[in-house]
């Protein structure tokens, strides 16, 4: 019998997105929630709805297009129009 050492991974299912595409992106989350997660190990919720425990450097991934779109709409007031 032999054993194999594997890198640590989160084996909990991602209930918000089953397609795995969200694993390839850095997501927008409130800074306070990231800090809380780092201390407690509790999951965070991104603007796009992805729920996970952050454990990777987000600088190594492109920004989630869905999070970016939501964030930009929040910055412009969220009305979708250009006139103010």
N, C-alpha and C. Protein backbone atom coordinates (compact mmCIF):
# COMPACT_ATOMS: atom_id res chain seq x y z
N UNK A 1 0.85 -1.18 0.00
CA UNK A 1 0.00 0.00 0.00
C UNK A 1 0.89 1.23 0.00
N UNK A 2 0.53 2.22 -0.80
CA UNK A 2 1.30 3.45 -0.84
C UNK A 2 0.37 4.64 -0.61
N UNK A 3 0.97 5.74 -0.25
CA UNK A 3 0.19 6.96 -0.05
C UNK A 3 0.72 8.03 -0.97
N UNK A 4 -0.11 8.98 -1.24
CA UNK A 4 0.27 10.08 -2.11
C UNK A 4 -0.10 11.37 -1.41
N UNK A 5 0.80 12.32 -1.38
CA UNK A 5 0.54 13.61 -0.76
C UNK A 5 0.02 14.56 -1.83
N UNK A 6 -1.16 15.10 -1.59
CA UNK A 6 -1.78 16.02 -2.53
C UNK A 6 -1.84 17.41 -1.93
N UNK A 7 -1.82 18.44 -2.76
CA UNK A 7 -1.95 19.80 -2.22
C UNK A 7 -3.31 19.98 -1.56
N UNK A 8 -3.35 20.83 -0.55
CA UNK A 8 -4.59 21.10 0.16
C UNK A 8 -5.59 21.74 -0.79
N UNK A 9 -6.82 21.29 -0.72
CA UNK A 9 -7.86 21.88 -1.56
C UNK A 9 -9.17 21.89 -0.80
N UNK A 10 -10.06 22.76 -1.22
CA UNK A 10 -11.37 22.86 -0.62
C UNK A 10 -12.28 21.89 -1.36
N UNK A 11 -12.73 20.86 -0.67
CA UNK A 11 -13.54 19.83 -1.33
C UNK A 11 -15.03 20.06 -1.19
N UNK A 12 -15.40 21.15 -0.49
CA UNK A 12 -16.83 21.44 -0.36
C UNK A 12 -17.38 21.86 -1.71
N UNK A 13 -18.58 21.42 -2.04
CA UNK A 13 -19.15 21.80 -3.34
C UNK A 13 -19.50 23.28 -3.37
N UNK A 14 -19.32 23.88 -4.53
CA UNK A 14 -19.69 25.27 -4.75
C UNK A 14 -21.15 25.26 -5.20
N UNK A 15 -22.04 25.60 -4.31
CA UNK A 15 -23.46 25.50 -4.59
C UNK A 15 -23.99 26.60 -5.49
N UNK A 16 -23.24 27.69 -5.63
CA UNK A 16 -23.74 28.80 -6.43
C UNK A 16 -23.46 28.61 -7.92
N UNK A 17 -22.36 27.93 -8.26
CA UNK A 17 -21.98 27.74 -9.66
C UNK A 17 -21.34 26.37 -9.81
N UNK A 18 -21.97 25.51 -10.54
CA UNK A 18 -21.44 24.16 -10.68
C UNK A 18 -20.53 23.97 -11.86
N UNK A 19 -20.35 25.00 -12.69
CA UNK A 19 -19.60 24.81 -13.93
C UNK A 19 -18.09 24.93 -13.77
N UNK A 20 -17.60 25.42 -12.64
CA UNK A 20 -16.17 25.53 -12.42
C UNK A 20 -15.52 26.74 -13.03
N UNK A 21 -16.20 27.47 -13.90
CA UNK A 21 -15.61 28.65 -14.53
C UNK A 21 -15.22 29.72 -13.52
N UNK A 22 -15.94 29.81 -12.42
CA UNK A 22 -15.65 30.84 -11.44
C UNK A 22 -14.35 30.59 -10.70
N UNK A 23 -13.79 29.39 -10.83
CA UNK A 23 -12.52 29.08 -10.20
C UNK A 23 -11.37 29.75 -10.93
N UNK A 24 -11.61 30.23 -12.13
CA UNK A 24 -10.55 30.81 -12.96
C UNK A 24 -10.44 32.31 -12.81
N UNK A 25 -11.22 32.92 -11.93
CA UNK A 25 -11.26 34.37 -11.83
C UNK A 25 -11.00 34.86 -10.41
N UNK A 26 -10.59 36.12 -10.33
CA UNK A 26 -10.54 36.85 -9.06
C UNK A 26 -11.88 37.56 -8.94
N UNK A 27 -12.48 37.53 -7.77
CA UNK A 27 -13.82 38.07 -7.58
C UNK A 27 -13.81 39.28 -6.66
N UNK A 28 -14.82 40.13 -6.81
CA UNK A 28 -14.99 41.28 -5.93
C UNK A 28 -15.72 40.88 -4.66
N UNK A 29 -15.10 41.20 -3.51
CA UNK A 29 -15.67 40.94 -2.19
C UNK A 29 -15.29 42.12 -1.31
N UNK A 30 -16.15 42.50 -0.36
CA UNK A 30 -15.82 43.59 0.56
C UNK A 30 -14.55 43.24 1.32
N UNK A 31 -13.66 44.24 1.46
CA UNK A 31 -12.38 44.02 2.15
C UNK A 31 -12.58 43.49 3.56
N UNK A 32 -13.57 44.00 4.26
CA UNK A 32 -13.85 43.56 5.63
C UNK A 32 -14.15 42.06 5.66
N UNK A 33 -14.88 41.57 4.67
CA UNK A 33 -15.23 40.15 4.62
C UNK A 33 -14.01 39.28 4.36
N UNK A 34 -13.07 39.79 3.55
CA UNK A 34 -11.83 39.05 3.29
C UNK A 34 -11.04 38.91 4.59
N UNK A 35 -10.96 40.01 5.36
CA UNK A 35 -10.25 39.97 6.63
C UNK A 35 -10.91 39.00 7.59
N UNK A 36 -12.23 39.05 7.70
CA UNK A 36 -12.95 38.12 8.57
C UNK A 36 -12.70 36.67 8.16
N UNK A 37 -12.69 36.43 6.87
CA UNK A 37 -12.48 35.08 6.37
C UNK A 37 -11.07 34.60 6.71
N UNK A 38 -10.09 35.49 6.59
CA UNK A 38 -8.71 35.12 6.90
C UNK A 38 -8.57 34.72 8.36
N UNK A 39 -9.32 35.39 9.24
CA UNK A 39 -9.23 35.11 10.67
C UNK A 39 -10.06 33.88 11.05
N UNK A 40 -11.28 33.80 10.54
CA UNK A 40 -12.20 32.75 10.98
C UNK A 40 -12.27 31.53 10.06
N UNK A 41 -11.85 31.70 8.81
CA UNK A 41 -11.97 30.60 7.85
C UNK A 41 -13.36 30.47 7.26
N UNK A 42 -14.21 31.48 7.51
CA UNK A 42 -15.58 31.43 7.00
C UNK A 42 -15.61 31.82 5.52
N UNK A 43 -16.57 31.30 4.78
CA UNK A 43 -16.66 31.63 3.36
C UNK A 43 -17.12 33.07 3.13
N UNK A 44 -16.80 33.57 1.95
CA UNK A 44 -17.23 34.91 1.52
C UNK A 44 -18.15 34.76 0.32
N UNK A 45 -18.88 35.83 0.02
CA UNK A 45 -19.78 35.83 -1.14
C UNK A 45 -19.36 36.97 -2.06
N UNK A 46 -19.01 36.65 -3.29
CA UNK A 46 -18.62 37.64 -4.28
C UNK A 46 -19.85 38.34 -4.83
N UNK A 47 -19.63 39.45 -5.51
CA UNK A 47 -20.74 40.18 -6.13
C UNK A 47 -21.53 39.30 -7.09
N UNK A 48 -20.85 38.38 -7.76
CA UNK A 48 -21.51 37.51 -8.74
C UNK A 48 -22.27 36.37 -8.09
N UNK A 49 -22.07 36.19 -6.76
CA UNK A 49 -22.78 35.13 -6.06
C UNK A 49 -21.92 33.93 -5.69
N UNK A 50 -20.69 33.87 -6.18
CA UNK A 50 -19.81 32.74 -5.84
C UNK A 50 -19.53 32.76 -4.34
N UNK A 51 -19.64 31.60 -3.72
CA UNK A 51 -19.37 31.44 -2.29
C UNK A 51 -18.16 30.51 -2.15
N UNK A 52 -17.12 30.97 -1.44
CA UNK A 52 -15.91 30.17 -1.25
C UNK A 52 -15.05 30.74 -0.14
N UNK A 53 -14.07 29.97 0.28
CA UNK A 53 -13.09 30.43 1.26
C UNK A 53 -11.84 30.82 0.47
N UNK A 54 -11.51 32.11 0.44
CA UNK A 54 -10.35 32.55 -0.35
C UNK A 54 -9.06 31.93 0.17
N UNK A 55 -8.26 31.41 -0.75
CA UNK A 55 -6.98 30.84 -0.36
C UNK A 55 -5.93 30.98 -1.45
N UNK A 56 -6.19 31.79 -2.46
CA UNK A 56 -5.25 31.99 -3.56
C UNK A 56 -5.01 33.48 -3.77
N UNK A 57 -3.89 33.81 -4.37
CA UNK A 57 -3.54 35.19 -4.66
C UNK A 57 -4.39 35.68 -5.84
N UNK A 58 -5.32 36.63 -5.61
CA UNK A 58 -6.20 37.08 -6.70
C UNK A 58 -5.45 37.79 -7.82
N UNK A 59 -4.22 38.25 -7.56
CA UNK A 59 -3.45 38.94 -8.59
C UNK A 59 -3.02 38.01 -9.71
N UNK A 60 -3.12 36.71 -9.48
CA UNK A 60 -2.71 35.72 -10.48
C UNK A 60 -3.85 35.35 -11.42
N UNK A 61 -5.03 35.95 -11.24
CA UNK A 61 -6.20 35.57 -12.03
C UNK A 61 -6.84 36.81 -12.64
N UNK A 62 -7.49 36.67 -13.79
CA UNK A 62 -8.24 37.80 -14.35
C UNK A 62 -9.49 38.07 -13.51
N UNK A 63 -9.97 39.31 -13.56
CA UNK A 63 -11.17 39.69 -12.80
C UNK A 63 -12.40 39.04 -13.41
N UNK A 64 -13.26 38.54 -12.55
CA UNK A 64 -14.52 37.93 -12.99
C UNK A 64 -15.34 38.97 -13.75
N UNK A 65 -15.70 38.70 -14.99
CA UNK A 65 -16.45 39.68 -15.78
C UNK A 65 -17.81 40.04 -15.15
N UNK A 66 -18.44 39.08 -14.54
CA UNK A 66 -19.74 39.33 -13.91
C UNK A 66 -19.59 40.25 -12.70
N UNK A 67 -18.58 39.99 -11.86
CA UNK A 67 -18.31 40.87 -10.71
C UNK A 67 -17.98 42.28 -11.18
N UNK A 68 -17.14 42.37 -12.22
CA UNK A 68 -16.73 43.68 -12.74
C UNK A 68 -17.93 44.47 -13.25
N UNK A 69 -18.81 43.81 -13.97
CA UNK A 69 -20.01 44.47 -14.50
C UNK A 69 -20.91 44.98 -13.36
N UNK A 70 -21.10 44.15 -12.35
CA UNK A 70 -21.93 44.54 -11.21
C UNK A 70 -21.29 45.72 -10.47
N UNK A 71 -19.98 45.63 -10.23
CA UNK A 71 -19.26 46.70 -9.53
C UNK A 71 -19.36 48.02 -10.28
N UNK A 72 -19.14 47.97 -11.60
CA UNK A 72 -19.21 49.20 -12.40
C UNK A 72 -20.61 49.78 -12.41
N UNK A 73 -21.63 48.93 -12.41
CA UNK A 73 -23.01 49.46 -12.40
C UNK A 73 -23.31 50.10 -11.05
N UNK A 74 -22.70 49.59 -9.98
CA UNK A 74 -22.88 50.19 -8.66
C UNK A 74 -22.20 51.56 -8.60
N UNK A 75 -21.05 51.69 -9.23
CA UNK A 75 -20.31 52.94 -9.22
C UNK A 75 -21.02 54.04 -10.01
N UNK A 76 -21.73 53.65 -11.05
CA UNK A 76 -22.41 54.64 -11.89
C UNK A 76 -23.83 54.89 -11.42
N UNK A 77 -24.23 54.32 -10.32
CA UNK A 77 -25.57 54.51 -9.82
C UNK A 77 -26.50 53.39 -10.16
N UNK A 78 -26.07 52.49 -11.05
CA UNK A 78 -26.84 51.30 -11.36
C UNK A 78 -28.05 51.52 -12.23
N UNK A 79 -28.21 52.73 -12.82
CA UNK A 79 -29.41 52.97 -13.63
C UNK A 79 -29.25 52.48 -15.06
N UNK A 80 -28.02 52.18 -15.48
CA UNK A 80 -27.81 51.64 -16.80
C UNK A 80 -27.76 52.70 -17.89
N UNK A 81 -28.25 53.89 -17.61
CA UNK A 81 -28.22 54.95 -18.60
C UNK A 81 -27.03 55.87 -18.40
N UNK A 82 -26.71 56.63 -19.42
CA UNK A 82 -25.56 57.53 -19.32
C UNK A 82 -25.93 58.90 -18.84
N UNK A 83 -27.21 59.25 -18.86
CA UNK A 83 -27.64 60.60 -18.47
C UNK A 83 -27.87 60.67 -16.97
N UNK A 84 -27.43 61.79 -16.38
CA UNK A 84 -27.62 61.98 -14.94
C UNK A 84 -28.30 63.28 -14.67
